Amino acid sequence: MSDISEDETVNETAQEARADGEHARATPSGNSFLSDFWVNFVRWNLKAVRNPFVVVGSLVQPIIFLVLFTQVFGQIATSALGGGAGDITYETFLLPAIAMQVSLAAAAGSGIGLVNDMEEGMFEKTLVMPMSRSAMFLGKTAAEILRIVVQIAIILALGAVLGANVATGFLGALGILGVGILFSLWFVALSNIMAIVTRDQESTIIGANLLQFPLLFVSTAFLPLNAMPDWIQVVATYNPITYGVDAARALMLDQDVMTVVEVTRFGGIWDTLVPAIAVLLALDLALGGAMVYLLNRASSSAVQ
């Protein structure tokens, strides 16, 4: 009887082992999509915390802009705004632009993080791991979006301290956060494209800064469109920052503020929000698609 029971036990153990092997082959990572997503989400958040220079640097610079511009140019700019924008203070006018600047600066860190992975050899290691590629990418993006949301919230709180007023209230502030996320995605994609193409941290940082600051100053970020030279007005019409800033400013002021595109079909702030969101979505899809294509090419060559 003991021999029979031992044989049965051995057979059962062998069957269980074969079943476990088949299950392991069916699910290479041994984890679910959500588990892979969570691992990458936590990893990129820890990576950001361990590199505070990038996180703090992307927040300190916009804060300096907000404080200095409002304190140095506040009275002059407020009087200039009074001619065509009613009783709007410069703090209220500028805050949406600084919120979008935070999105740009934080989004630039996405490409820098990818270059760090490449330089440290971590990029190649993650590609051969039995883990969902989609979960890896979404986990990284979600970590960056979380950082952007927190930093925009800090800027909005600081703006309130300086006297800025969100005319649409708490829902408007949430809307500005949403616009900031949508606005940041095209620059997240662009910074990752620069990282994949250059594979160099300094080149990625320089490229992001060279694009970020000129685009800010040739948009409606710091002054109304009609207060700028004619050639800047032309450039601002095709500048993505104009559409992000105008969408956030419409929510801030509770009025239609877009002048680069004349839309009267939707009424009120929606005449600004609808075309601005449409432009930003198209830009996100175009640059996001290009980034995914280049990332897949880089992944294939790295694995080979």
C-alpha atoms as a PDB file:
ATOM      1  CA  MET A   1       0.000   0.000   0.000  1.00  0.00           C
ATOM      2  CA  SER A   2       2.826   2.385   0.809  1.00  0.00           C
ATOM      3  CA  ASP A   3       4.412   1.780  -2.648  1.00  0.00           C
ATOM      4  CA  ILE A   4       1.149   2.593  -4.382  1.00  0.00           C
ATOM      5  CA  SER A   5       0.662   5.789  -2.420  1.00  0.00           C
ATOM      6  CA  GLU A   6       4.240   6.896  -3.175  1.00  0.00           C
ATOM      7  CA  ASP A   7       3.731   6.279  -6.924  1.00  0.00           C
ATOM      8  CA  GLU A   8       0.509   8.237  -6.879  1.00  0.00           C
ATOM      9  CA  THR A   9       2.220  11.102  -5.074  1.00  0.00           C
ATOM     10  CA  VAL A  10       5.064  11.165  -7.609  1.00  0.00           C
ATOM     11  CA  ASN A  11       2.595  11.183 -10.518  1.00  0.00           C
ATOM     12  CA  GLU A  12       0.571  13.994  -8.999  1.00  0.00           C
ATOM     13  CA  THR A  13       3.719  16.035  -8.384  1.00  0.00           C
ATOM     14  CA  ALA A  14       4.867  15.524 -11.977  1.00  0.00           C
ATOM     15  CA  GLN A  15       1.470  16.589 -13.328  1.00  0.00           C
ATOM     16  CA  GLU A  16       1.527  19.700 -11.171  1.00  0.00           C
ATOM     17  CA  ALA A  17       5.038  20.541 -12.373  1.00  0.00           C
ATOM     18  CA  ARG A  18       3.999  20.157 -16.022  1.00  0.00           C
ATOM     19  CA  ALA A  19       0.940  22.353 -15.410  1.00  0.00           C
ATOM     20  CA  ASP A  20       3.082  25.016 -13.746  1.00  0.00           C
ATOM     21  CA  GLY A  21       5.505  24.932 -16.682  1.00  0.00           C
ATOM     22  CA  GLU A  22       2.720  25.320 -19.212  1.00  0.00           C
ATOM     23  CA  HIS A  23       1.282  28.227 -17.207  1.00  0.00           C
ATOM     24  CA  ALA A  24       4.688  29.905 -17.007  1.00  0.00           C
ATOM     25  CA  ARG A  25       5.120  29.623 -20.763  1.00  0.00           C
ATOM     26  CA  ALA A  26       1.657  31.072 -21.326  1.00  0.00           C
ATOM     27  CA  THR A  27       2.393  34.080 -19.062  1.00  0.00           C
ATOM     28  CA  PRO A  28       6.095  34.885 -19.554  1.00  0.00           C
ATOM     29  CA  SER A  29       6.347  37.551 -16.866  1.00  0.00           C
ATOM     30  CA  GLY A  30       4.389  35.608 -14.271  1.00  0.00           C
ATOM     31  CA  ASN A  31       2.539  38.874 -13.561  1.00  0.00           C
ATOM     32  CA  SER A  32      -0.581  40.561 -14.809  1.00  0.00           C
ATOM     33  CA  PHE A  33      -0.623  43.708 -16.925  1.00  0.00           C
ATOM     34  CA  LEU A  34      -1.546  45.744 -13.836  1.00  0.00           C
ATOM     35  CA  SER A  35       1.358  44.257 -11.893  1.00  0.00           C
ATOM     36  CA  ASP A  36       3.813  45.155 -14.649  1.00  0.00           C
ATOM     37  CA  PHE A  37       2.281  48.632 -14.855  1.00  0.00           C
ATOM     38  CA  TRP A  38       2.592  49.123 -11.098  1.00  0.00           C
ATOM     39  CA  VAL A  39       6.216  47.950 -11.015  1.00  0.00           C
ATOM     40  CA  ASN A  40       7.192  50.480 -13.681  1.00  0.00           C
ATOM     41  CA  PHE A  41       5.086  53.243 -12.135  1.00  0.00           C
ATOM     42  CA  VAL A  42       6.852  52.779  -8.791  1.00  0.00           C
ATOM     43  CA  ARG A  43      10.261  52.429 -10.443  1.00  0.00           C
ATOM     44  CA  TRP A  44      10.040  55.733 -12.310  1.00  0.00           C
ATOM     45  CA  ASN A  45       8.701  57.555  -9.261  1.00  0.00           C
ATOM     46  CA  LEU A  46      11.613  56.231  -7.187  1.00  0.00           C
ATOM     47  CA  LYS A  47      13.995  57.231  -9.963  1.00  0.00           C
ATOM     48  CA  ALA A  48      12.600  60.780  -9.860  1.00  0.00           C
ATOM     49  CA  VAL A  49      12.864  60.969  -6.073  1.00  0.00           C
ATOM     50  CA  ARG A  50      16.470  59.797  -6.191  1.00  0.00           C
ATOM     51  CA  ASN A  51      17.309  62.507  -8.727  1.00  0.00           C
ATOM     52  CA  PRO A  52      15.851  65.608  -7.035  1.00  0.00           C
ATOM     53  CA  PHE A  53      17.808  67.996  -9.272  1.00  0.00           C
ATOM     54  CA  VAL A  54      15.563  67.223 -12.250  1.00  0.00           C
ATOM     55  CA  VAL A  55      12.348  67.381 -10.204  1.00  0.00           C
ATOM     56  CA  VAL A  56      13.204  70.533  -8.246  1.00  0.00           C
ATOM     57  CA  GLY A  57      14.827  72.216 -11.246  1.00  0.00           C
ATOM     58  CA  SER A  58      11.690  71.827 -13.347  1.00  0.00           C
ATOM     59  CA  LEU A  59       9.670  73.513 -10.564  1.00  0.00           C
ATOM     60  CA  VAL A  60      12.053  76.207  -9.297  1.00  0.00           C
ATOM     61  CA  GLN A  61      12.520  77.884 -12.673  1.00  0.00           C
ATOM     62  CA  PRO A  62       8.763  78.511 -13.273  1.00  0.00           C
ATOM     63  CA  ILE A  63       8.399  79.732  -9.673  1.00  0.00           C
ATOM     64  CA  ILE A  64      11.189  82.263 -10.283  1.00  0.00           C
ATOM     65  CA  PHE A  65       9.425  83.385 -13.469  1.00  0.00           C
ATOM     66  CA  LEU A  66       6.106  83.743 -11.636  1.00  0.00           C
ATOM     67  CA  VAL A  67       7.500  85.718  -8.715  1.00  0.00           C
ATOM     68  CA  LEU A  68       9.885  87.947 -10.668  1.00  0.00           C
ATOM     69  CA  PHE A  69       7.554  88.719 -13.568  1.00  0.00           C
ATOM     70  CA  THR A  70       4.619  89.588 -11.302  1.00  0.00           C
ATOM     71  CA  GLN A  71       6.699  91.644  -8.888  1.00  0.00           C
ATOM     72  CA  VAL A  72       8.894  93.440 -11.451  1.00  0.00           C
ATOM     73  CA  PHE A  73       6.433  93.915 -14.321  1.00  0.00           C
ATOM     74  CA  GLY A  74       3.150  93.507 -12.441  1.00  0.00           C
ATOM     75  CA  GLN A  75       1.981  97.119 -12.277  1.00  0.00           C
ATOM     76  CA  ILE A  76       3.062  98.004 -15.818  1.00  0.00           C
ATOM     77  CA  ALA A  77       1.582  94.820 -17.296  1.00  0.00           C
ATOM     78  CA  THR A  78      -1.674  95.156 -15.338  1.00  0.00           C
ATOM     79  CA  SER A  79      -2.197  98.676 -16.681  1.00  0.00           C
ATOM     80  CA  ALA A  80      -1.497  97.398 -20.208  1.00  0.00           C
ATOM     81  CA  LEU A  81      -4.053  94.627 -19.735  1.00  0.00           C
ATOM     82  CA  GLY A  82      -6.688  97.073 -18.536  1.00  0.00           C
ATOM     83  CA  GLY A  83      -7.210  98.442 -22.047  1.00  0.00           C
ATOM     84  CA  GLY A  84      -8.612  95.186 -23.434  1.00  0.00           C
ATOM     85  CA  ALA A  85      -9.049  92.707 -20.634  1.00  0.00           C
ATOM     86  CA  GLY A  86     -11.018  94.556 -17.960  1.00  0.00           C
ATOM     87  CA  ASP A  87      -9.857  94.395 -14.337  1.00  0.00           C
ATOM     88  CA  ILE A  88      -7.513  91.441 -14.759  1.00  0.00           C
ATOM     89  CA  THR A  89      -4.338  91.546 -12.693  1.00  0.00           C
ATOM     90  CA  TYR A  90      -1.082  90.376 -14.221  1.00  0.00           C
ATOM     91  CA  GLU A  91      -0.855  87.624 -11.585  1.00  0.00           C
ATOM     92  CA  THR A  92      -4.131  86.174 -12.842  1.00  0.00           C
ATOM     93  CA  PHE A  93      -3.140  86.633 -16.487  1.00  0.00           C
ATOM     94  CA  LEU A  94       0.324  85.064 -16.054  1.00  0.00           C
ATOM     95  CA  LEU A  95      -0.526  82.079 -13.856  1.00  0.00           C
ATOM     96  CA  PRO A  96      -1.890  79.835 -16.664  1.00  0.00           C
ATOM     97  CA  ALA A  97       1.289  80.455 -18.677  1.00  0.00           C
ATOM     98  CA  ILE A  98       3.481  79.449 -15.725  1.00  0.00           C
ATOM     99  CA  ALA A  99       1.356  76.317 -15.234  1.00  0.00           C
ATOM    100  CA  MET A 100       2.039  75.360 -18.860  1.00  0.00           C
ATOM    101  CA  GLN A 101       5.738  76.178 -18.382  1.00  0.00           C
ATOM    102  CA  VAL A 102       5.796  73.705 -15.493  1.00  0.00           C
ATOM    103  CA  SER A 103       4.311  71.096 -17.822  1.00  0.00           C
ATOM    104  CA  LEU A 104       7.037  71.747 -20.387  1.00  0.00           C
ATOM    105  CA  ALA A 105       9.869  71.624 -17.858  1.00  0.00           C
ATOM    106  CA  ALA A 106       8.581  68.454 -16.206  1.00  0.00           C
ATOM    107  CA  ALA A 107       7.939  66.797 -19.580  1.00  0.00           C
ATOM    108  CA  ALA A 108      11.548  67.448 -20.583  1.00  0.00           C
ATOM    109  CA  GLY A 109      12.580  65.182 -17.703  1.00  0.00           C
ATOM    110  CA  SER A 110      10.967  62.236 -19.483  1.00  0.00           C
ATOM    111  CA  GLY A 111      13.609  62.187 -22.196  1.00  0.00           C
ATOM    112  CA  ILE A 112      16.394  62.760 -19.669  1.00  0.00           C
ATOM    113  CA  GLY A 113      15.246  59.718 -17.681  1.00  0.00           C
ATOM    114  CA  LEU A 114      15.212  57.570 -20.820  1.00  0.00           C
ATOM    115  CA  VAL A 115      18.759  58.669 -21.723  1.00  0.00           C
ATOM    116  CA  ASN A 116      19.915  57.786 -18.208  1.00  0.00           C
ATOM    117  CA  ASP A 117      18.497  54.299 -18.681  1.00  0.00           C
ATOM    118  CA  MET A 118      20.350  53.993 -21.984  1.00  0.00           C
ATOM    119  CA  GLU A 119      23.662  55.208 -20.557  1.00  0.00           C
ATOM    120  CA  GLU A 120      23.411  52.883 -17.554  1.00  0.00           C
ATOM    121  CA  GLY A 121      22.466  49.870 -19.698  1.00  0.00           C
ATOM    122  CA  MET A 122      19.087  49.597 -17.998  1.00  0.00           C
ATOM    123  CA  PHE A 123      17.193  50.234 -21.234  1.00  0.00           C
ATOM    124  CA  GLU A 124      18.543  47.049 -22.853  1.00  0.00           C
ATOM    125  CA  LYS A 125      17.934  45.044 -19.676  1.00  0.00           C
ATOM    126  CA  THR A 126      14.291  46.033 -19.438  1.00  0.00           C
ATOM    127  CA  LEU A 127      13.716  45.087 -23.076  1.00  0.00           C
ATOM    128  CA  VAL A 128      14.670  41.441 -22.481  1.00  0.00           C
ATOM    129  CA  MET A 129      12.602  41.130 -19.301  1.00  0.00           C
ATOM    130  CA  PRO A 130       9.453  38.971 -19.517  1.00  0.00           C
ATOM    131  CA  MET A 131       7.238  42.008 -19.023  1.00  0.00           C
ATOM    132  CA  SER A 132       4.513  43.727 -21.031  1.00  0.00           C
ATOM    133  CA  ARG A 133       6.021  46.508 -23.177  1.00  0.00           C
ATOM    134  CA  SER A 134       2.751  48.433 -23.053  1.00  0.00           C
ATOM    135  CA  ALA A 135       2.703  48.260 -19.259  1.00  0.00           C
ATOM    136  CA  MET A 136       6.309  49.459 -19.131  1.00  0.00           C
ATOM    137  CA  PHE A 137       5.547  52.482 -21.296  1.00  0.00           C
ATOM    138  CA  LEU A 138       2.259  53.360 -19.559  1.00  0.00           C
ATOM    139  CA  GLY A 139       3.825  53.000 -16.121  1.00  0.00           C
ATOM    140  CA  LYS A 140       6.571  55.455 -17.065  1.00  0.00           C
ATOM    141  CA  THR A 141       4.065  57.914 -18.564  1.00  0.00           C
ATOM    142  CA  ALA A 142       1.762  57.720 -15.534  1.00  0.00           C
ATOM    143  CA  ALA A 143       4.668  58.506 -13.203  1.00  0.00           C
ATOM    144  CA  GLU A 144       5.519  61.577 -15.266  1.00  0.00           C
ATOM    145  CA  ILE A 145       1.887  62.716 -15.352  1.00  0.00           C
ATOM    146  CA  LEU A 146       1.681  62.412 -11.558  1.00  0.00           C
ATOM    147  CA  ARG A 147       4.746  64.623 -11.205  1.00  0.00           C
ATOM    148  CA  ILE A 148       3.272  67.189 -13.596  1.00  0.00           C
ATOM    149  CA  VAL A 149      -0.060  67.288 -11.724  1.00  0.00           C
ATOM    150  CA  VAL A 150       1.657  67.820  -8.371  1.00  0.00           C
ATOM    151  CA  GLN A 151       3.846  70.609  -9.731  1.00  0.00           C
ATOM    152  CA  ILE A 152       0.961  72.432 -11.447  1.00  0.00           C
ATOM    153  CA  ALA A 153      -1.033  72.198  -8.196  1.00  0.00           C
ATOM    154  CA  ILE A 154       1.886  73.820  -6.345  1.00  0.00           C
ATOM    155  CA  ILE A 155       2.019  76.637  -8.908  1.00  0.00           C
ATOM    156  CA  LEU A 156      -1.742  77.243  -8.644  1.00  0.00           C
ATOM    157  CA  ALA A 157      -1.483  77.399  -4.852  1.00  0.00           C
ATOM    158  CA  LEU A 158       1.428  79.841  -5.054  1.00  0.00           C
ATOM    159  CA  GLY A 159      -0.504  81.947  -7.555  1.00  0.00           C
ATOM    160  CA  ALA A 160      -3.428  82.150  -5.136  1.00  0.00           C
ATOM    161  CA  VAL A 161      -1.039  83.400  -2.445  1.00  0.00           C
ATOM    162  CA  LEU A 162       0.233  86.099  -4.829  1.00  0.00           C
ATOM    163  CA  GLY A 163      -3.329  87.242  -5.532  1.00  0.00           C
ATOM    164  CA  ALA A 164      -4.314  85.338  -8.673  1.00  0.00           C
ATOM    165  CA  ASN A 165      -7.976  84.353  -8.926  1.00  0.00           C
ATOM    166  CA  VAL A 166      -9.489  81.362 -10.757  1.00  0.00           C
ATOM    167  CA  ALA A 167     -12.826  82.747 -11.940  1.00  0.00           C
ATOM    168  CA  THR A 168     -14.226  79.259 -12.627  1.00  0.00           C
ATOM    169  CA  GLY A 169     -13.463  78.061  -9.099  1.00  0.00           C
ATOM    170  CA  PHE A 170     -12.327  74.599  -8.051  1.00  0.00           C
ATOM    171  CA  LEU A 171     -13.652  72.914 -11.207  1.00  0.00           C
ATOM    172  CA  GLY A 172     -11.708  75.416 -13.271  1.00  0.00           C
ATOM    173  CA  ALA A 173      -8.538  74.584 -11.342  1.00  0.00           C
ATOM    174  CA  LEU A 174      -9.122  70.896 -12.078  1.00  0.00           C
ATOM    175  CA  GLY A 175      -9.637  71.834 -15.721  1.00  0.00           C
ATOM    176  CA  ILE A 176      -6.284  73.630 -15.759  1.00  0.00           C
ATOM    177  CA  LEU A 177      -4.676  70.453 -14.396  1.00  0.00           C
ATOM    178  CA  GLY A 178      -6.322  68.487 -17.211  1.00  0.00           C
ATOM    179  CA  VAL A 179      -5.140  70.969 -19.838  1.00  0.00           C
ATOM    180  CA  GLY A 180      -1.645  70.762 -18.334  1.00  0.00           C
ATOM    181  CA  ILE A 181      -1.635  66.975 -18.754  1.00  0.00           C
ATOM    182  CA  LEU A 182      -2.900  67.153 -22.341  1.00  0.00           C
ATOM    183  CA  PHE A 183      -0.447  69.948 -23.115  1.00  0.00           C
ATOM    184  CA  SER A 184       2.527  68.078 -21.630  1.00  0.00           C
ATOM    185  CA  LEU A 185       2.074  64.872 -23.644  1.00  0.00           C
ATOM    186  CA  TRP A 186       3.360  66.322 -26.932  1.00  0.00           C
ATOM    187  CA  PHE A 187       6.535  67.550 -25.226  1.00  0.00           C
ATOM    188  CA  VAL A 188       6.932  64.239 -23.361  1.00  0.00           C
ATOM    189  CA  ALA A 189       6.889  62.549 -26.767  1.00  0.00           C
ATOM    190  CA  LEU A 190       9.270  65.127 -28.257  1.00  0.00           C
ATOM    191  CA  SER A 191      11.788  64.829 -25.420  1.00  0.00           C
ATOM    192  CA  ASN A 192      11.744  61.022 -25.754  1.00  0.00           C
ATOM    193  CA  ILE A 193      12.264  61.372 -29.515  1.00  0.00           C
ATOM    194  CA  MET A 194      15.319  63.547 -28.846  1.00  0.00           C
ATOM    195  CA  ALA A 195      16.566  60.986 -26.314  1.00  0.00           C
ATOM    196  CA  ILE A 196      16.191  58.087 -28.769  1.00  0.00           C
ATOM    197  CA  VAL A 197      17.837  60.025 -31.618  1.00  0.00           C
ATOM    198  CA  THR A 198      20.757  61.525 -29.651  1.00  0.00           C
ATOM    199  CA  ARG A 199      21.197  58.882 -26.892  1.00  0.00           C
ATOM    200  CA  ASP A 200      23.011  61.632 -25.004  1.00  0.00           C
ATOM    201  CA  GLN A 201      21.829  63.402 -21.849  1.00  0.00           C
ATOM    202  CA  GLU A 202      23.432  66.789 -22.529  1.00  0.00           C
ATOM    203  CA  SER A 203      22.092  66.912 -26.080  1.00  0.00           C
ATOM    204  CA  THR A 204      18.591  66.084 -24.843  1.00  0.00           C
ATOM    205  CA  ILE A 205      18.697  68.786 -22.164  1.00  0.00           C
ATOM    206  CA  ILE A 206      20.067  71.412 -24.566  1.00  0.00           C
ATOM    207  CA  GLY A 207      17.534  70.491 -27.246  1.00  0.00           C
ATOM    208  CA  ALA A 208      14.614  70.703 -24.808  1.00  0.00           C
ATOM    209  CA  ASN A 209      15.730  74.085 -23.461  1.00  0.00           C
ATOM    210  CA  LEU A 210      16.409  75.508 -26.928  1.00  0.00           C
ATOM    211  CA  LEU A 211      12.832  74.693 -27.900  1.00  0.00           C
ATOM    212  CA  GLN A 212      11.159  75.538 -24.616  1.00  0.00           C
ATOM    213  CA  PHE A 213      12.233  79.134 -24.009  1.00  0.00           C
ATOM    214  CA  PRO A 214      11.942  80.623 -27.521  1.00  0.00           C
ATOM    215  CA  LEU A 215       8.521  79.027 -27.925  1.00  0.00           C
ATOM    216  CA  LEU A 216       7.369  80.514 -24.609  1.00  0.00           C
ATOM    217  CA  PHE A 217       8.317  84.054 -25.603  1.00  0.00           C
ATOM    218  CA  VAL A 218       6.778  83.869 -29.092  1.00  0.00           C
ATOM    219  CA  SER A 219       3.391  82.771 -27.749  1.00  0.00           C
ATOM    220  CA  THR A 220       0.595  84.424 -25.773  1.00  0.00           C
ATOM    221  CA  ALA A 221       2.206  83.291 -22.519  1.00  0.00           C
ATOM    222  CA  PHE A 222       3.424  86.640 -21.200  1.00  0.00           C
ATOM    223  CA  LEU A 223       1.461  89.230 -23.188  1.00  0.00           C
ATOM    224  CA  PRO A 224      -1.778  89.371 -25.215  1.00  0.00           C
ATOM    225  CA  LEU A 225      -1.366  88.709 -28.922  1.00  0.00           C
ATOM    226  CA  ASN A 226      -2.265  92.261 -29.969  1.00  0.00           C
ATOM    227  CA  ALA A 227       0.512  93.696 -27.782  1.00  0.00           C
ATOM    228  CA  MET A 228       3.261  91.901 -29.709  1.00  0.00           C
ATOM    229  CA  PRO A 229       5.014  92.660 -33.035  1.00  0.00           C
ATOM    230  CA  ASP A 230       3.380  91.406 -36.204  1.00  0.00           C
ATOM    231  CA  TRP A 231       5.957  88.691 -36.902  1.00  0.00           C
ATOM    232  CA  ILE A 232       5.526  87.249 -33.396  1.00  0.00           C
ATOM    233  CA  GLN A 233       1.762  87.214 -33.918  1.00  0.00           C
ATOM    234  CA  VAL A 234       2.300  85.072 -37.030  1.00  0.00           C
ATOM    235  CA  VAL A 235       4.627  82.670 -35.182  1.00  0.00           C
ATOM    236  CA  ALA A 236       2.244  82.484 -32.207  1.00  0.00           C
ATOM    237  CA  THR A 237      -0.536  81.268 -34.503  1.00  0.00           C
ATOM    238  CA  TYR A 238       1.444  78.083 -35.227  1.00  0.00           C
ATOM    239  CA  ASN A 239       2.980  77.753 -31.754  1.00  0.00           C
ATOM    240  CA  PRO A 240       1.589  74.847 -29.653  1.00  0.00           C
ATOM    241  CA  ILE A 241       2.242  76.777 -26.439  1.00  0.00           C
ATOM    242  CA  THR A 242      -0.303  79.414 -27.497  1.00  0.00           C
ATOM    243  CA  TYR A 243      -3.086  76.827 -27.542  1.00  0.00           C
ATOM    244  CA  GLY A 244      -2.171  75.327 -24.168  1.00  0.00           C
ATOM    245  CA  VAL A 245      -1.861  78.737 -22.520  1.00  0.00           C
ATOM    246  CA  ASP A 246      -5.095  80.051 -24.077  1.00  0.00           C
ATOM    247  CA  ALA A 247      -7.041  76.960 -22.935  1.00  0.00           C
ATOM    248  CA  ALA A 248      -5.766  77.321 -19.356  1.00  0.00           C
ATOM    249  CA  ARG A 249      -6.329  81.090 -19.431  1.00  0.00           C
ATOM    250  CA  ALA A 250      -9.929  80.660 -20.602  1.00  0.00           C
ATOM    251  CA  LEU A 251     -10.559  78.486 -17.553  1.00  0.00           C
ATOM    252  CA  MET A 252      -8.731  80.995 -15.362  1.00  0.00           C
ATOM    253  CA  LEU A 253     -10.700  84.031 -16.578  1.00  0.00           C
ATOM    254  CA  ASP A 254     -13.980  82.289 -17.522  1.00  0.00           C
ATOM    255  CA  GLN A 255     -14.007  83.948 -20.942  1.00  0.00           C
ATOM    256  CA  ASP A 256     -13.036  83.374 -24.558  1.00  0.00           C
ATOM    257  CA  VAL A 257      -9.432  84.542 -24.899  1.00  0.00           C
ATOM    258  CA  MET A 258      -8.269  82.925 -28.134  1.00  0.00           C
ATOM    259  CA  THR A 259      -7.348  85.408 -30.850  1.00  0.00           C
ATOM    260  CA  VAL A 260      -5.115  83.291 -33.107  1.00  0.00           C
ATOM    261  CA  VAL A 261      -8.202  81.374 -34.287  1.00  0.00           C
ATOM    262  CA  GLU A 262     -11.589  83.062 -34.428  1.00  0.00           C
ATOM    263  CA  VAL A 263     -14.289  80.601 -33.348  1.00  0.00           C
ATOM    264  CA  THR A 264     -17.818  81.686 -32.382  1.00  0.00           C
ATOM    265  CA  ARG A 265     -19.750  78.454 -32.788  1.00  0.00           C
ATOM    266  CA  PHE A 266     -19.645  77.039 -29.237  1.00  0.00           C
ATOM    267  CA  GLY A 267     -20.084  80.114 -27.047  1.00  0.00           C
ATOM    268  CA  GLY A 268     -18.139  81.438 -24.067  1.00  0.00           C
ATOM    269  CA  ILE A 269     -14.940  79.732 -23.002  1.00  0.00           C
ATOM    270  CA  TRP A 270     -15.739  76.785 -25.282  1.00  0.00           C
ATOM    271  CA  ASP A 271     -14.788  78.959 -28.264  1.00  0.00           C
ATOM    272  CA  THR A 272     -11.273  78.742 -26.839  1.00  0.00           C
ATOM    273  CA  LEU A 273     -11.304  75.259 -25.300  1.00  0.00           C
ATOM    274  CA  VAL A 274     -12.623  73.308 -28.289  1.00  0.00           C
ATOM    275  CA  PRO A 275     -10.076  74.447 -30.913  1.00  0.00           C
ATOM    276  CA  ALA A 276      -7.229  74.444 -28.371  1.00  0.00           C
ATOM    277  CA  ILE A 277      -7.963  70.891 -27.219  1.00  0.00           C
ATOM    278  CA  ALA A 278      -8.364  69.735 -30.842  1.00  0.00           C
ATOM    279  CA  VAL A 279      -4.932  71.150 -31.767  1.00  0.00           C
ATOM    280  CA  LEU A 280      -3.258  69.651 -28.688  1.00  0.00           C
ATOM    281  CA  LEU A 281      -4.848  66.233 -29.262  1.00  0.00           C
ATOM    282  CA  ALA A 282      -3.694  66.183 -32.885  1.00  0.00           C
ATOM    283  CA  LEU A 283      -0.177  67.143 -31.798  1.00  0.00           C
ATOM    284  CA  ASP A 284      -0.158  64.487 -29.052  1.00  0.00           C
ATOM    285  CA  LEU A 285      -1.220  61.779 -31.503  1.00  0.00           C
ATOM    286  CA  ALA A 286       1.286  62.810 -34.182  1.00  0.00           C
ATOM    287  CA  LEU A 287       4.327  63.084 -31.924  1.00  0.00           C
ATOM    288  CA  GLY A 288       3.205  60.155 -29.765  1.00  0.00           C
ATOM    289  CA  GLY A 289       2.962  57.955 -32.844  1.00  0.00           C
ATOM    290  CA  ALA A 290       6.423  59.043 -33.987  1.00  0.00           C
ATOM    291  CA  MET A 291       7.845  58.311 -30.533  1.00  0.00           C
ATOM    292  CA  VAL A 292       6.289  54.824 -30.391  1.00  0.00           C
ATOM    293  CA  TYR A 293       7.652  54.052 -33.866  1.00  0.00           C
ATOM    294  CA  LEU A 294      11.179  55.153 -32.941  1.00  0.00           C
ATOM    295  CA  LEU A 295      10.994  53.375 -29.585  1.00  0.00           C
ATOM    296  CA  ASN A 296       9.953  50.127 -31.273  1.00  0.00           C
ATOM    297  CA  ARG A 297      12.853  50.457 -33.723  1.00  0.00           C
ATOM    298  CA  ALA A 298      15.267  51.120 -30.867  1.00  0.00           C
ATOM    299  CA  SER A 299      13.832  48.181 -28.935  1.00  0.00           C
ATOM    300  CA  SER A 300      14.205  45.795 -31.881  1.00  0.00           C
ATOM    301  CA  SER A 301      17.820  46.791 -32.539  1.00  0.00           C
ATOM    302  CA  ALA A 302      18.684  46.611 -28.835  1.00  0.00           C
ATOM    303  CA  VAL A 303      17.207  43.140 -28.418  1.00  0.00           C
ATOM    304  CA  GLN A 304      18.993  41.861 -31.534  1.00  0.00           C
END
